Amino acid sequence: LYAPDEAERETMDGGEGNARGISRGFFLLDHETYGVANFASIVGGK
């Protein structure tokens, strides 16, 4: 499960601290935004 920060975690799980509430969707992260080009992560999903 992917939960990027506390603020977004509260949005994703309804603020209840329940990991079952975290999205089971997937996220494709392009790390060039954070200074490392030609590198991506794919996380979450089913």
All heavy atoms as atom14 arrays in JSON, in Angstrom:
{
  "sequence": "LYAPDEAERETMDGGEGNARGISRGFFLLDHETYGVANFASIVGGK",
  "atom14_mask": [
    [1, 1, 1, 1, 1, 1, 1, 1, 0, 0, 0, 0, 0, 0],
    [1, 1, 1, 1, 1, 1, 1, 1, 1, 1, 1, 1, 0, 0],
    [1, 1, 1, 1, 1, 0, 0, 0, 0, 0, 0, 0, 0, 0],
    [1, 1, 1, 1, 1, 1, 1, 0, 0, 0, 0, 0, 0, 0],
    [1, 1, 1, 1, 1, 1, 1, 1, 0, 0, 0, 0, 0, 0],
    [1, 1, 1, 1, 1, 1, 1, 1, 1, 0, 0, 0, 0, 0],
    [1, 1, 1, 1, 1, 0, 0, 0, 0, 0, 0, 0, 0, 0],
    [1, 1, 1, 1, 1, 1, 1, 1, 1, 0, 0, 0, 0, 0],
    [1, 1, 1, 1, 1, 1, 1, 1, 1, 1, 1, 0, 0, 0],
    [1, 1, 1, 1, 1, 1, 1, 1, 1, 0, 0, 0, 0, 0],
    [1, 1, 1, 1, 1, 1, 1, 0, 0, 0, 0, 0, 0, 0],
    [1, 1, 1, 1, 1, 1, 1, 1, 0, 0, 0, 0, 0, 0],
    [1, 1, 1, 1, 1, 1, 1, 1, 0, 0, 0, 0, 0, 0],
    [1, 1, 1, 1, 0, 0, 0, 0, 0, 0, 0, 0, 0, 0],
    [1, 1, 1, 1, 0, 0, 0, 0, 0, 0, 0, 0, 0, 0],
    [1, 1, 1, 1, 1, 1, 1, 1, 1, 0, 0, 0, 0, 0],
    [1, 1, 1, 1, 0, 0, 0, 0, 0, 0, 0, 0, 0, 0],
    [1, 1, 1, 1, 1, 1, 1, 1, 0, 0, 0, 0, 0, 0],
    [1, 1, 1, 1, 1, 0, 0, 0, 0, 0, 0, 0, 0, 0],
    [1, 1, 1, 1, 1, 1, 1, 1, 1, 1, 1, 0, 0, 0],
    [1, 1, 1, 1, 0, 0, 0, 0, 0, 0, 0, 0, 0, 0],
    [1, 1, 1, 1, 1, 1, 1, 1, 0, 0, 0, 0, 0, 0],
    [1, 1, 1, 1, 1, 1, 0, 0, 0, 0, 0, 0, 0, 0],
    [1, 1, 1, 1, 1, 1, 1, 1, 1, 1, 1, 0, 0, 0],
    [1, 1, 1, 1, 0, 0, 0, 0, 0, 0, 0, 0, 0, 0],
    [1, 1, 1, 1, 1, 1, 1, 1, 1, 1, 1, 0, 0, 0],
    [1, 1, 1, 1, 1, 1, 1, 1, 1, 1, 1, 0, 0, 0],
    [1, 1, 1, 1, 1, 1, 1, 1, 0, 0, 0, 0, 0, 0],
    [1, 1, 1, 1, 1, 1, 1, 1, 0, 0, 0, 0, 0, 0],
    [1, 1, 1, 1, 1, 1, 1, 1, 0, 0, 0, 0, 0, 0],
    [1, 1, 1, 1, 1, 1, 1, 1, 1, 1, 0, 0, 0, 0],
    [1, 1, 1, 1, 1, 1, 1, 1, 1, 0, 0, 0, 0, 0],
    [1, 1, 1, 1, 1, 1, 1, 0, 0, 0, 0, 0, 0, 0],
    [1, 1, 1, 1, 1, 1, 1, 1, 1, 1, 1, 1, 0, 0],
    [1, 1, 1, 1, 0, 0, 0, 0, 0, 0, 0, 0, 0, 0],
    [1, 1, 1, 1, 1, 1, 1, 0, 0, 0, 0, 0, 0, 0],
    [1, 1, 1, 1, 1, 0, 0, 0, 0, 0, 0, 0, 0, 0],
    [1, 1, 1, 1, 1, 1, 1, 1, 0, 0, 0, 0, 0, 0],
    [1, 1, 1, 1, 1, 1, 1, 1, 1, 1, 1, 0, 0, 0],
    [1, 1, 1, 1, 1, 0, 0, 0, 0, 0, 0, 0, 0, 0],
    [1, 1, 1, 1, 1, 1, 0, 0, 0, 0, 0, 0, 0, 0],
    [1, 1, 1, 1, 1, 1, 1, 1, 0, 0, 0, 0, 0, 0],
    [1, 1, 1, 1, 1, 1, 1, 0, 0, 0, 0, 0, 0, 0],
    [1, 1, 1, 1, 0, 0, 0, 0, 0, 0, 0, 0, 0, 0],
    [1, 1, 1, 1, 0, 0, 0, 0, 0, 0, 0, 0, 0, 0],
    [1, 1, 1, 1, 1, 1, 1, 1, 1, 0, 0, 0, 0, 0]
  ],
  "atom14_positions": [
    [[0.83, -1.2, 0.0], [0.0, 0.0, 0.0], [0.86, 1.25, 0.0], [1.88, 1.33, 0.68], [-0.93, 0.0, 1.22], [-1.85, -1.21, 1.36], [-2.78, -1.01, 2.54], [-2.64, -1.46, 0.08], [0.0, 0.0, 0.0], [0.0, 0.0, 0.0], [0.0, 0.0, 0.0], [0.0, 0.0, 0.0], [0.0, 0.0, 0.0], [0.0, 0.0, 0.0]],
    [[0.41, 2.25, -0.76], [1.15, 3.5, -0.9], [0.41, 4.6, -0.17], [-0.79, 4.81, -0.37], [1.26, 3.84, -2.39], [1.89, 5.18, -2.7], [3.2, 5.46, -2.32], [1.17, 6.16, -3.38], [3.78, 6.68, -2.63], [1.74, 7.38, -3.69], [3.05, 7.64, -3.31], [3.62, 8.86, -3.6], [0.0, 0.0, 0.0], [0.0, 0.0, 0.0]],
    [[1.1, 5.28, 0.74], [0.52, 6.39, 1.5], [1.58, 7.46, 1.64], [2.41, 7.42, 2.55], [0.05, 5.9, 2.87], [0.0, 0.0, 0.0], [0.0, 0.0, 0.0], [0.0, 0.0, 0.0], [0.0, 0.0, 0.0], [0.0, 0.0, 0.0], [0.0, 0.0, 0.0], [0.0, 0.0, 0.0], [0.0, 0.0, 0.0], [0.0, 0.0, 0.0]],
    [[1.59, 8.46, 0.75], [2.75, 9.33, 0.61], [3.05, 10.25, 1.77], [4.21, 10.54, 2.02], [2.45, 10.13, -0.66], [0.97, 10.01, -0.84], [0.59, 8.68, -0.31], [0.0, 0.0, 0.0], [0.0, 0.0, 0.0], [0.0, 0.0, 0.0], [0.0, 0.0, 0.0], [0.0, 0.0, 0.0], [0.0, 0.0, 0.0], [0.0, 0.0, 0.0]],
    [[2.07, 10.76, 2.46], [2.35, 11.62, 3.62], [1.13, 11.62, 4.52], [0.06, 11.13, 4.18], [2.73, 13.05, 3.2], [1.68, 13.69, 2.32], [0.47, 13.58, 2.64], [2.06, 14.29, 1.3], [0.0, 0.0, 0.0], [0.0, 0.0, 0.0], [0.0, 0.0, 0.0], [0.0, 0.0, 0.0], [0.0, 0.0, 0.0], [0.0, 0.0, 0.0]],
    [[1.29, 12.2, 5.7], [0.25, 12.13, 6.7], [-1.02, 12.82, 6.25], [-2.13, 12.34, 6.46], [0.75, 12.75, 8.01], [-0.1, 12.4, 9.23], [-0.07, 10.89, 9.52], [0.98, 10.27, 9.36], [-1.13, 10.36, 9.91], [0.0, 0.0, 0.0], [0.0, 0.0, 0.0], [0.0, 0.0, 0.0], [0.0, 0.0, 0.0], [0.0, 0.0, 0.0]],
    [[-0.87, 13.98, 5.57], [-2.05, 14.71, 5.14], [-2.84, 13.9, 4.12], [-4.06, 13.77, 4.2], [-1.64, 16.05, 4.54], [0.0, 0.0, 0.0], [0.0, 0.0, 0.0], [0.0, 0.0, 0.0], [0.0, 0.0, 0.0], [0.0, 0.0, 0.0], [0.0, 0.0, 0.0], [0.0, 0.0, 0.0], [0.0, 0.0, 0.0], [0.0, 0.0, 0.0]],
    [[-2.14, 13.34, 3.15], [-2.83, 12.54, 2.15], [-3.34, 11.24, 2.74], [-4.38, 10.74, 2.34], [-1.9, 12.26, 0.96], [-2.63, 11.65, -0.21], [-1.83, 11.72, -1.5], [-0.82, 12.43, -1.54], [-2.23, 11.03, -2.45], [0.0, 0.0, 0.0], [0.0, 0.0, 0.0], [0.0, 0.0, 0.0], [0.0, 0.0, 0.0], [0.0, 0.0, 0.0]],
    [[-2.61, 10.72, 3.72], [-3.08, 9.49, 4.38], [-4.44, 9.71, 5.0], [-5.33, 8.88, 4.89], [-2.08, 9.06, 5.45], [-2.53, 7.85, 6.24], [-1.59, 7.48, 7.36], [-0.31, 7.06, 6.86], [0.67, 6.58, 7.64], [0.46, 6.49, 8.95], [1.81, 6.22, 7.14], [0.0, 0.0, 0.0], [0.0, 0.0, 0.0], [0.0, 0.0, 0.0]],
    [[-4.64, 10.87, 5.64], [-5.92, 11.15, 6.27], [-7.03, 11.22, 5.23], [-8.16, 10.8, 5.45], [-5.85, 12.45, 7.07], [-4.96, 12.33, 8.3], [-4.91, 13.6, 9.11], [-5.59, 14.58, 8.72], [-4.19, 13.64, 10.12], [0.0, 0.0, 0.0], [0.0, 0.0, 0.0], [0.0, 0.0, 0.0], [0.0, 0.0, 0.0], [0.0, 0.0, 0.0]],
    [[-6.7, 11.75, 4.05], [-7.68, 11.8, 2.97], [-8.0, 10.39, 2.48], [-9.15, 10.05, 2.22], [-7.14, 12.64, 1.8], [-6.88, 13.95, 2.26], [-8.15, 12.69, 0.66], [0.0, 0.0, 0.0], [0.0, 0.0, 0.0], [0.0, 0.0, 0.0], [0.0, 0.0, 0.0], [0.0, 0.0, 0.0], [0.0, 0.0, 0.0], [0.0, 0.0, 0.0]],
    [[-6.96, 9.56, 2.37], [-7.14, 8.23, 1.8], [-7.86, 7.28, 2.75], [-8.6, 6.4, 2.31], [-5.77, 7.64, 1.41], [-5.08, 8.42, 0.32], [-3.34, 8.02, 0.21], [-3.38, 6.54, -0.77], [0.0, 0.0, 0.0], [0.0, 0.0, 0.0], [0.0, 0.0, 0.0], [0.0, 0.0, 0.0], [0.0, 0.0, 0.0], [0.0, 0.0, 0.0]],
    [[-7.64, 7.43, 4.06], [-8.25, 6.46, 4.97], [-9.36, 7.07, 5.83], [-9.79, 6.47, 6.79], [-7.18, 5.79, 5.85], [-6.53, 6.74, 6.84], [-7.04, 7.85, 7.05], [-5.48, 6.35, 7.4], [0.0, 0.0, 0.0], [0.0, 0.0, 0.0], [0.0, 0.0, 0.0], [0.0, 0.0, 0.0], [0.0, 0.0, 0.0], [0.0, 0.0, 0.0]],
    [[-9.81, 8.27, 5.46], [-10.92, 8.86, 6.19], [-10.54, 9.41, 7.54], [-11.39, 9.74, 8.35], [0.0, 0.0, 0.0], [0.0, 0.0, 0.0], [0.0, 0.0, 0.0], [0.0, 0.0, 0.0], [0.0, 0.0, 0.0], [0.0, 0.0, 0.0], [0.0, 0.0, 0.0], [0.0, 0.0, 0.0], [0.0, 0.0, 0.0], [0.0, 0.0, 0.0]],
    [[-9.23, 9.53, 7.8], [-8.77, 10.1, 9.05], [-8.89, 9.18, 10.24], [-8.71, 9.58, 11.38], [0.0, 0.0, 0.0], [0.0, 0.0, 0.0], [0.0, 0.0, 0.0], [0.0, 0.0, 0.0], [0.0, 0.0, 0.0], [0.0, 0.0, 0.0], [0.0, 0.0, 0.0], [0.0, 0.0, 0.0], [0.0, 0.0, 0.0], [0.0, 0.0, 0.0]],
    [[-9.19, 7.91, 10.0], [-9.43, 6.98, 11.09], [-8.22, 6.1, 11.39], [-8.27, 5.26, 12.29], [-10.63, 6.08, 10.77], [-11.92, 6.87, 10.57], [-13.07, 5.98, 10.18], [-12.85, 4.77, 10.04], [-14.19, 6.48, 10.02], [0.0, 0.0, 0.0], [0.0, 0.0, 0.0], [0.0, 0.0, 0.0], [0.0, 0.0, 0.0], [0.0, 0.0, 0.0]],
    [[-7.16, 6.26, 10.62], [-5.98, 5.42, 10.85], [-6.2, 3.99, 10.44], [-5.53, 3.08, 10.89], [0.0, 0.0, 0.0], [0.0, 0.0, 0.0], [0.0, 0.0, 0.0], [0.0, 0.0, 0.0], [0.0, 0.0, 0.0], [0.0, 0.0, 0.0], [0.0, 0.0, 0.0], [0.0, 0.0, 0.0], [0.0, 0.0, 0.0], [0.0, 0.0, 0.0]],
    [[-7.18, 3.74, 9.57], [-7.53, 2.38, 9.18], [-6.88, 2.05, 7.85], [-7.22, 2.6, 6.81], [-9.06, 2.27, 9.06], [-9.5, 0.9, 8.6], [-8.68, -0.02, 8.48], [-10.79, 0.76, 8.33], [0.0, 0.0, 0.0], [0.0, 0.0, 0.0], [0.0, 0.0, 0.0], [0.0, 0.0, 0.0], [0.0, 0.0, 0.0], [0.0, 0.0, 0.0]],
    [[-5.9, 1.11, 7.88], [-5.18, 0.78, 6.65], [-6.08, 0.18, 5.6], [-5.77, 0.23, 4.41], [-4.03, -0.17, 6.97], [0.0, 0.0, 0.0], [0.0, 0.0, 0.0], [0.0, 0.0, 0.0], [0.0, 0.0, 0.0], [0.0, 0.0, 0.0], [0.0, 0.0, 0.0], [0.0, 0.0, 0.0], [0.0, 0.0, 0.0], [0.0, 0.0, 0.0]],
    [[-7.24, -0.39, 5.99], [-8.15, -0.92, 4.98], [-8.72, 0.2, 4.11], [-9.2, -0.05, 3.01], [-9.31, -1.68, 5.64], [-8.9, -3.05, 6.14], [-10.13, -3.92, 6.42], [-9.74, -5.24, 6.92], [-9.41, -6.25, 6.16], [-9.39, -6.1, 4.85], [-9.09, -7.42, 6.69], [0.0, 0.0, 0.0], [0.0, 0.0, 0.0], [0.0, 0.0, 0.0]],
    [[-8.66, 1.44, 4.59], [-9.2, 2.55, 3.82], [-8.25, 3.09, 2.77], [-8.66, 3.9, 1.92], [0.0, 0.0, 0.0], [0.0, 0.0, 0.0], [0.0, 0.0, 0.0], [0.0, 0.0, 0.0], [0.0, 0.0, 0.0], [0.0, 0.0, 0.0], [0.0, 0.0, 0.0], [0.0, 0.0, 0.0], [0.0, 0.0, 0.0], [0.0, 0.0, 0.0]],
    [[-6.99, 2.67, 2.79], [-6.04, 3.16, 1.8], [-6.4, 2.62, 0.43], [-6.79, 1.47, 0.27], [-4.6, 2.74, 2.17], [-4.17, 3.45, 3.46], [-3.61, 3.08, 1.06], [-2.78, 3.11, 3.9], [0.0, 0.0, 0.0], [0.0, 0.0, 0.0], [0.0, 0.0, 0.0], [0.0, 0.0, 0.0], [0.0, 0.0, 0.0], [0.0, 0.0, 0.0]],
    [[-6.25, 3.48, -0.58], [-6.62, 3.08, -1.93], [-5.9, 1.81, -2.35], [-4.71, 1.65, -2.13], [-6.26, 4.21, -2.91], [-6.43, 3.78, -4.24], [0.0, 0.0, 0.0], [0.0, 0.0, 0.0], [0.0, 0.0, 0.0], [0.0, 0.0, 0.0], [0.0, 0.0, 0.0], [0.0, 0.0, 0.0], [0.0, 0.0, 0.0], [0.0, 0.0, 0.0]],
    [[-6.66, 0.9, -3.01], [-6.07, -0.29, -3.62], [-5.75, -0.02, -5.08], [-5.39, -0.92, -5.82], [-7.04, -1.47, -3.52], [-6.81, -2.4, -2.32], [-6.59, -1.73, -1.0], [-6.62, -2.69, 0.11], [-6.51, -2.35, 1.37], [-6.37, -1.08, 1.7], [-6.54, -3.27, 2.32], [0.0, 0.0, 0.0], [0.0, 0.0, 0.0], [0.0, 0.0, 0.0]],
    [[-5.89, 1.25, -5.5], [-5.47, 1.62, -6.84], [-3.96, 1.66, -6.93], [-3.24, 1.48, -5.96], [0.0, 0.0, 0.0], [0.0, 0.0, 0.0], [0.0, 0.0, 0.0], [0.0, 0.0, 0.0], [0.0, 0.0, 0.0], [0.0, 0.0, 0.0], [0.0, 0.0, 0.0], [0.0, 0.0, 0.0], [0.0, 0.0, 0.0], [0.0, 0.0, 0.0]],
    [[-3.45, 1.91, -8.17], [-2.0, 1.95, -8.34], [-1.55, 3.35, -8.67], [-2.34, 4.2, -9.1], [-1.56, 0.94, -9.4], [-1.89, 1.34, -10.82], [-1.0, 2.1, -11.56], [-3.07, 0.93, -11.41], [-1.29, 2.46, -12.86], [-3.38, 1.28, -12.71], [-2.49, 2.05, -13.44], [0.0, 0.0, 0.0], [0.0, 0.0, 0.0], [0.0, 0.0, 0.0]],
    [[-0.26, 3.59, -8.46], [0.33, 4.9, -8.68], [1.63, 4.72, -9.45], [2.48, 3.91, -9.07], [0.61, 5.6, -7.34], [-0.61, 5.76, -6.48], [-1.05, 4.73, -5.66], [-1.36, 6.93, -6.52], [-2.19, 4.86, -4.88], [-2.5, 7.08, -5.75], [-2.92, 6.04, -4.92], [0.0, 0.0, 0.0], [0.0, 0.0, 0.0], [0.0, 0.0, 0.0]],
    [[1.78, 5.48, -10.53], [3.0, 5.5, -11.32], [3.73, 6.79, -11.01], [3.22, 7.88, -11.27], [2.68, 5.39, -12.81], [3.85, 5.41, -13.79], [4.79, 4.25, -13.53], [3.34, 5.37, -15.23], [0.0, 0.0, 0.0], [0.0, 0.0, 0.0], [0.0, 0.0, 0.0], [0.0, 0.0, 0.0], [0.0, 0.0, 0.0], [0.0, 0.0, 0.0]],
    [[4.91, 6.66, -10.42], [5.66, 7.81, -9.92], [6.89, 8.05, -10.79], [7.77, 7.19, -10.87], [6.1, 7.57, -8.47], [5.01, 7.06, -7.5], [5.62, 6.75, -6.15], [3.88, 8.07, -7.37], [0.0, 0.0, 0.0], [0.0, 0.0, 0.0], [0.0, 0.0, 0.0], [0.0, 0.0, 0.0], [0.0, 0.0, 0.0], [0.0, 0.0, 0.0]],
    [[6.95, 9.2, -11.45], [8.11, 9.59, -12.24], [9.04, 10.39, -11.35], [8.71, 11.5, -10.94], [7.67, 10.42, -13.45], [8.82, 10.77, -14.38], [9.99, 10.57, -13.99], [8.55, 11.25, -15.5], [0.0, 0.0, 0.0], [0.0, 0.0, 0.0], [0.0, 0.0, 0.0], [0.0, 0.0, 0.0], [0.0, 0.0, 0.0], [0.0, 0.0, 0.0]],
    [[10.2, 9.84, -11.05], [11.08, 10.46, -10.06], [11.92, 11.6, -10.63], [12.69, 12.23, -9.89], [11.97, 9.4, -9.42], [11.19, 8.36, -8.68], [10.27, 8.68, -7.71], [11.17, 7.0, -8.8], [9.72, 7.57, -7.24], [10.25, 6.54, -7.89], [0.0, 0.0, 0.0], [0.0, 0.0, 0.0], [0.0, 0.0, 0.0], [0.0, 0.0, 0.0]],
    [[11.75, 11.9, -11.91], [12.44, 13.08, -12.45], [11.99, 14.33, -11.72], [12.76, 15.27, -11.54], [12.16, 13.2, -13.95], [12.95, 14.34, -14.61], [12.85, 14.33, -16.11], [12.05, 13.54, -16.66], [13.58, 15.12, -16.74], [0.0, 0.0, 0.0], [0.0, 0.0, 0.0], [0.0, 0.0, 0.0], [0.0, 0.0, 0.0], [0.0, 0.0, 0.0]],
    [[10.74, 14.34, -11.27], [10.21, 15.46, -10.49], [11.03, 15.71, -9.23], [11.12, 16.84, -8.75], [8.74, 15.16, -10.1], [8.01, 14.81, -11.26], [8.09, 16.36, -9.43], [0.0, 0.0, 0.0], [0.0, 0.0, 0.0], [0.0, 0.0, 0.0], [0.0, 0.0, 0.0], [0.0, 0.0, 0.0], [0.0, 0.0, 0.0], [0.0, 0.0, 0.0]],
    [[11.64, 14.64, -8.7], [12.4, 14.74, -7.45], [13.9, 14.6, -7.68], [14.65, 14.25, -6.77], [11.9, 13.69, -6.46], [10.45, 13.87, -6.13], [9.47, 13.13, -6.79], [10.03, 14.82, -5.21], [8.12, 13.31, -6.52], [8.69, 15.01, -4.92], [7.74, 14.27, -5.59], [6.4, 14.47, -5.32], [0.0, 0.0, 0.0], [0.0, 0.0, 0.0]],
    [[14.33, 14.86, -8.92], [15.76, 14.97, -9.18], [16.45, 13.75, -9.73], [17.67, 13.78, -9.91], [0.0, 0.0, 0.0], [0.0, 0.0, 0.0], [0.0, 0.0, 0.0], [0.0, 0.0, 0.0], [0.0, 0.0, 0.0], [0.0, 0.0, 0.0], [0.0, 0.0, 0.0], [0.0, 0.0, 0.0], [0.0, 0.0, 0.0], [0.0, 0.0, 0.0]],
    [[15.71, 12.67, -10.0], [16.33, 11.47, -10.58], [15.57, 11.11, -11.86], [14.48, 10.53, -11.8], [16.35, 10.28, -9.61], [17.04, 9.08, -10.26], [17.06, 10.65, -8.31], [0.0, 0.0, 0.0], [0.0, 0.0, 0.0], [0.0, 0.0, 0.0], [0.0, 0.0, 0.0], [0.0, 0.0, 0.0], [0.0, 0.0, 0.0], [0.0, 0.0, 0.0]],
    [[16.13, 11.46, -13.0], [15.5, 11.16, -14.28], [15.71, 9.69, -14.65], [16.56, 9.0, -14.09], [16.08, 12.06, -15.36], [0.0, 0.0, 0.0], [0.0, 0.0, 0.0], [0.0, 0.0, 0.0], [0.0, 0.0, 0.0], [0.0, 0.0, 0.0], [0.0, 0.0, 0.0], [0.0, 0.0, 0.0], [0.0, 0.0, 0.0], [0.0, 0.0, 0.0]],
    [[14.93, 9.23, -15.6], [15.03, 7.86, -16.12], [14.81, 6.81, -15.02], [15.38, 5.73, -15.06], [16.38, 7.61, -16.81], [16.53, 8.44, -18.07], [15.71, 9.3, -18.35], [17.58, 8.19, -18.83], [0.0, 0.0, 0.0], [0.0, 0.0, 0.0], [0.0, 0.0, 0.0], [0.0, 0.0, 0.0], [0.0, 0.0, 0.0], [0.0, 0.0, 0.0]],
    [[13.97, 7.17, -14.06], [13.68, 6.27, -12.94], [12.23, 6.48, -12.54], [11.79, 7.62, -12.33], [14.61, 6.59, -11.76], [14.43, 5.69, -10.55], [14.31, 4.32, -10.68], [14.4, 6.24, -9.27], [14.16, 3.5, -9.57], [14.26, 5.43, -8.16], [14.14, 4.06, -8.31], [0.0, 0.0, 0.0], [0.0, 0.0, 0.0], [0.0, 0.0, 0.0]],
    [[11.47, 5.4, -12.49], [10.07, 5.47, -12.09], [9.73, 4.3, -11.17], [10.37, 3.24, -11.23], [9.15, 5.44, -13.31], [0.0, 0.0, 0.0], [0.0, 0.0, 0.0], [0.0, 0.0, 0.0], [0.0, 0.0, 0.0], [0.0, 0.0, 0.0], [0.0, 0.0, 0.0], [0.0, 0.0, 0.0], [0.0, 0.0, 0.0], [0.0, 0.0, 0.0]],
    [[8.74, 4.5, -10.32], [8.22, 3.44, -9.45], [6.75, 3.23, -9.75], [6.02, 4.19, -10.01], [8.38, 3.8, -7.97], [9.73, 3.94, -7.62], [0.0, 0.0, 0.0], [0.0, 0.0, 0.0], [0.0, 0.0, 0.0], [0.0, 0.0, 0.0], [0.0, 0.0, 0.0], [0.0, 0.0, 0.0], [0.0, 0.0, 0.0], [0.0, 0.0, 0.0]],
    [[6.32, 1.99, -9.71], [4.9, 1.68, -9.81], [4.51, 0.93, -8.54], [5.12, -0.09, -8.2], [4.55, 0.91, -11.1], [3.03, 0.76, -11.21], [5.29, -0.41, -11.21], [2.53, 0.54, -12.61], [0.0, 0.0, 0.0], [0.0, 0.0, 0.0], [0.0, 0.0, 0.0], [0.0, 0.0, 0.0], [0.0, 0.0, 0.0], [0.0, 0.0, 0.0]],
    [[3.54, 1.47, -7.82], [3.22, 0.97, -6.47], [1.71, 0.8, -6.33], [0.92, 1.34, -7.1], [3.75, 1.92, -5.38], [5.26, 1.97, -5.4], [3.19, 3.34, -5.57], [0.0, 0.0, 0.0], [0.0, 0.0, 0.0], [0.0, 0.0, 0.0], [0.0, 0.0, 0.0], [0.0, 0.0, 0.0], [0.0, 0.0, 0.0], [0.0, 0.0, 0.0]],
    [[1.32, 0.03, -5.29], [-0.08, -0.21, -5.02], [-0.67, -1.24, -5.97], [0.02, -2.08, -6.52], [0.0, 0.0, 0.0], [0.0, 0.0, 0.0], [0.0, 0.0, 0.0], [0.0, 0.0, 0.0], [0.0, 0.0, 0.0], [0.0, 0.0, 0.0], [0.0, 0.0, 0.0], [0.0, 0.0, 0.0], [0.0, 0.0, 0.0], [0.0, 0.0, 0.0]],
    [[-1.96, -1.14, -6.17], [-2.63, -2.01, -7.12], [-3.04, -3.36, -6.54], [-2.86, -3.64, -5.36], [0.0, 0.0, 0.0], [0.0, 0.0, 0.0], [0.0, 0.0, 0.0], [0.0, 0.0, 0.0], [0.0, 0.0, 0.0], [0.0, 0.0, 0.0], [0.0, 0.0, 0.0], [0.0, 0.0, 0.0], [0.0, 0.0, 0.0], [0.0, 0.0, 0.0]],
    [[-3.59, -4.18, -7.43], [-4.1, -5.5, -7.08], [-3.6, -6.51, -8.1], [-3.32, -6.16, -9.25], [-5.63, -5.49, -7.07], [-6.26, -4.56, -6.05], [-7.75, -4.5, -6.2], [-8.19, -3.62, -7.35], [-7.91, -2.2, -7.18], [0.0, 0.0, 0.0], [0.0, 0.0, 0.0], [0.0, 0.0, 0.0], [0.0, 0.0, 0.0], [0.0, 0.0, 0.0]]
  ]
}
